[in-house]
Amino acid sequence: MAKEEVKVTRKYQITIPESIRSEFGIKIGDKLVIKTDEGRIIVEAPERISDPVEYLWNLSEKPINIDAVKLVEKSLPKALPPLKKPKQTKGM
């Protein structure tokens, strides 16, 4: 377990030491999770998803049988106002 001392600035900011940033792959703009536990402040790097597609496919334990066409057909009458017939113009 790495342990380094850091200083809190006037804006209550700290700098994460380079050795810890590189160990956890922390980059500029990354978000970190800060929590407390029994008088300790804990800073965690969120779990990184290496393959987002694989992650999404595995969210459900079993396959879901969805009829997408039926869902769209059911939602259309509610989502769209009735169509108005175009006015006929004389001379055309």
C-alpha atoms as a PDB file:
ATOM      1  CA  MET A   1       0.000   0.000   0.000  1.00  0.00           C
ATOM      2  CA  ALA A   2       1.459   3.332  -1.096  1.00  0.00           C
ATOM      3  CA  LYS A   3       1.382   6.165   1.407  1.00  0.00           C
ATOM      4  CA  GLU A   4       2.404   9.743   0.698  1.00  0.00           C
ATOM      5  CA  GLU A   5       1.755  13.015   2.470  1.00  0.00           C
ATOM      6  CA  VAL A   6       0.090  15.843   0.524  1.00  0.00           C
ATOM      7  CA  LYS A   7      -0.744  19.450   1.403  1.00  0.00           C
ATOM      8  CA  VAL A   8      -4.247  20.962   1.280  1.00  0.00           C
ATOM      9  CA  THR A   9      -4.345  24.305  -0.595  1.00  0.00           C
ATOM     10  CA  ARG A  10      -6.412  27.408   0.220  1.00  0.00           C
ATOM     11  CA  LYS A  11      -9.138  26.011  -2.047  1.00  0.00           C
ATOM     12  CA  TYR A  12      -9.083  22.677  -0.165  1.00  0.00           C
ATOM     13  CA  GLN A  13      -7.425  20.934  -3.110  1.00  0.00           C
ATOM     14  CA  ILE A  14      -4.750  18.259  -2.980  1.00  0.00           C
ATOM     15  CA  THR A  15      -2.357  16.985  -5.640  1.00  0.00           C
ATOM     16  CA  ILE A  16      -2.322  13.234  -6.157  1.00  0.00           C
ATOM     17  CA  PRO A  17       1.319  12.140  -6.305  1.00  0.00           C
ATOM     18  CA  GLU A  18       2.581  11.000  -9.717  1.00  0.00           C
ATOM     19  CA  SER A  19       3.371   7.488  -8.471  1.00  0.00           C
ATOM     20  CA  ILE A  20      -0.250   6.980  -7.397  1.00  0.00           C
ATOM     21  CA  ARG A  21      -1.676   8.650 -10.543  1.00  0.00           C
ATOM     22  CA  SER A  22       0.283   6.311 -12.786  1.00  0.00           C
ATOM     23  CA  GLU A  23      -0.480   3.219 -10.671  1.00  0.00           C
ATOM     24  CA  PHE A  24      -4.231   3.846 -11.059  1.00  0.00           C
ATOM     25  CA  GLY A  25      -4.154   5.417 -14.532  1.00  0.00           C
ATOM     26  CA  ILE A  26      -5.626   8.710 -13.328  1.00  0.00           C
ATOM     27  CA  LYS A  27      -5.661  11.363 -16.056  1.00  0.00           C
ATOM     28  CA  ILE A  28      -6.630  15.053 -16.135  1.00  0.00           C
ATOM     29  CA  GLY A  29     -10.430  15.340 -16.138  1.00  0.00           C
ATOM     30  CA  ASP A  30     -11.041  11.918 -14.557  1.00  0.00           C
ATOM     31  CA  LYS A  31     -13.629  11.780 -11.801  1.00  0.00           C
ATOM     32  CA  LEU A  32     -12.777  10.162  -8.490  1.00  0.00           C
ATOM     33  CA  VAL A  33     -15.017   8.907  -5.681  1.00  0.00           C
ATOM     34  CA  ILE A  34     -14.387  10.364  -2.227  1.00  0.00           C
ATOM     35  CA  LYS A  35     -15.930   8.766   0.853  1.00  0.00           C
ATOM     36  CA  THR A  36     -15.311   8.445   4.563  1.00  0.00           C
ATOM     37  CA  ASP A  37     -15.022   5.331   6.692  1.00  0.00           C
ATOM     38  CA  GLU A  38     -14.275   5.241  10.424  1.00  0.00           C
ATOM     39  CA  GLY A  39     -12.446   8.573  10.483  1.00  0.00           C
ATOM     40  CA  ARG A  40     -10.589   8.013   7.200  1.00  0.00           C
ATOM     41  CA  ILE A  41     -10.945   9.835   3.905  1.00  0.00           C
ATOM     42  CA  ILE A  42     -10.905   7.373   1.016  1.00  0.00           C
ATOM     43  CA  VAL A  43     -10.298   8.420  -2.593  1.00  0.00           C
ATOM     44  CA  GLU A  44     -11.177   5.765  -5.166  1.00  0.00           C
ATOM     45  CA  ALA A  45     -10.716   5.594  -8.905  1.00  0.00           C
ATOM     46  CA  PRO A  46     -13.957   4.250 -10.403  1.00  0.00           C
ATOM     47  CA  GLU A  47     -13.781   0.883 -12.132  1.00  0.00           C
ATOM     48  CA  ARG A  48     -12.867   1.346 -15.776  1.00  0.00           C
ATOM     49  CA  ILE A  49     -14.847  -0.482 -18.435  1.00  0.00           C
ATOM     50  CA  SER A  50     -12.398  -1.936 -20.935  1.00  0.00           C
ATOM     51  CA  ASP A  51     -15.068  -3.114 -23.415  1.00  0.00           C
ATOM     52  CA  PRO A  52     -18.298  -1.057 -23.169  1.00  0.00           C
ATOM     53  CA  VAL A  53     -20.185  -3.287 -25.617  1.00  0.00           C
ATOM     54  CA  GLU A  54     -19.369  -6.438 -23.647  1.00  0.00           C
ATOM     55  CA  TYR A  55     -20.323  -4.656 -20.425  1.00  0.00           C
ATOM     56  CA  LEU A  56     -23.736  -3.649 -21.809  1.00  0.00           C
ATOM     57  CA  TRP A  57     -24.434  -7.125 -23.180  1.00  0.00           C
ATOM     58  CA  ASN A  58     -23.768  -8.621 -19.746  1.00  0.00           C
ATOM     59  CA  LEU A  59     -25.973  -6.255 -17.731  1.00  0.00           C
ATOM     60  CA  SER A  60     -28.847  -8.734 -17.847  1.00  0.00           C
ATOM     61  CA  GLU A  61     -28.339 -12.257 -16.578  1.00  0.00           C
ATOM     62  CA  LYS A  62     -30.692 -13.771 -19.134  1.00  0.00           C
ATOM     63  CA  PRO A  63     -31.638 -12.741 -22.679  1.00  0.00           C
ATOM     64  CA  ILE A  64     -34.633 -10.447 -23.036  1.00  0.00           C
ATOM     65  CA  ASN A  65     -37.154 -11.236 -25.768  1.00  0.00           C
ATOM     66  CA  ILE A  66     -38.372  -7.883 -27.110  1.00  0.00           C
ATOM     67  CA  ASP A  67     -40.415  -7.282 -30.246  1.00  0.00           C
ATOM     68  CA  ALA A  68     -39.039  -3.852 -31.192  1.00  0.00           C
ATOM     69  CA  VAL A  69     -41.435  -3.413 -34.127  1.00  0.00           C
ATOM     70  CA  LYS A  70     -44.451  -3.972 -31.880  1.00  0.00           C
ATOM     71  CA  LEU A  71     -43.099  -1.485 -29.332  1.00  0.00           C
ATOM     72  CA  VAL A  72     -42.659   1.177 -32.017  1.00  0.00           C
ATOM     73  CA  GLU A  73     -46.117   0.507 -33.481  1.00  0.00           C
ATOM     74  CA  LYS A  74     -47.718   0.834 -30.038  1.00  0.00           C
ATOM     75  CA  SER A  75     -45.963   4.121 -29.304  1.00  0.00           C
ATOM     76  CA  LEU A  76     -46.603   5.853 -32.656  1.00  0.00           C
ATOM     77  CA  PRO A  77     -50.289   6.766 -32.184  1.00  0.00           C
ATOM     78  CA  LYS A  78     -49.505   8.268 -28.775  1.00  0.00           C
ATOM     79  CA  ALA A  79     -46.354  10.085 -29.842  1.00  0.00           C
ATOM     80  CA  LEU A  80     -47.511  11.591 -33.138  1.00  0.00           C
ATOM     81  CA  PRO A  81     -50.508  13.894 -33.648  1.00  0.00           C
ATOM     82  CA  PRO A  82     -52.991  12.793 -36.332  1.00  0.00           C
ATOM     83  CA  LEU A  83     -51.932  13.744 -39.846  1.00  0.00           C
ATOM     84  CA  LYS A  84     -53.925  16.493 -41.601  1.00  0.00           C
ATOM     85  CA  LYS A  85     -54.711  16.141 -45.269  1.00  0.00           C
ATOM     86  CA  PRO A  86     -53.036  18.846 -47.384  1.00  0.00           C
ATOM     87  CA  LYS A  87     -55.373  21.466 -48.841  1.00  0.00           C
ATOM     88  CA  GLN A  88     -56.066  21.172 -52.541  1.00  0.00           C
ATOM     89  CA  THR A  89     -55.120  24.290 -54.484  1.00  0.00           C
ATOM     90  CA  LYS A  90     -56.970  25.325 -57.630  1.00  0.00           C
ATOM     91  CA  GLY A  91     -55.207  25.173 -60.920  1.00  0.00           C
ATOM     92  CA  MET A  92     -52.963  22.245 -60.207  1.00  0.00           C
END
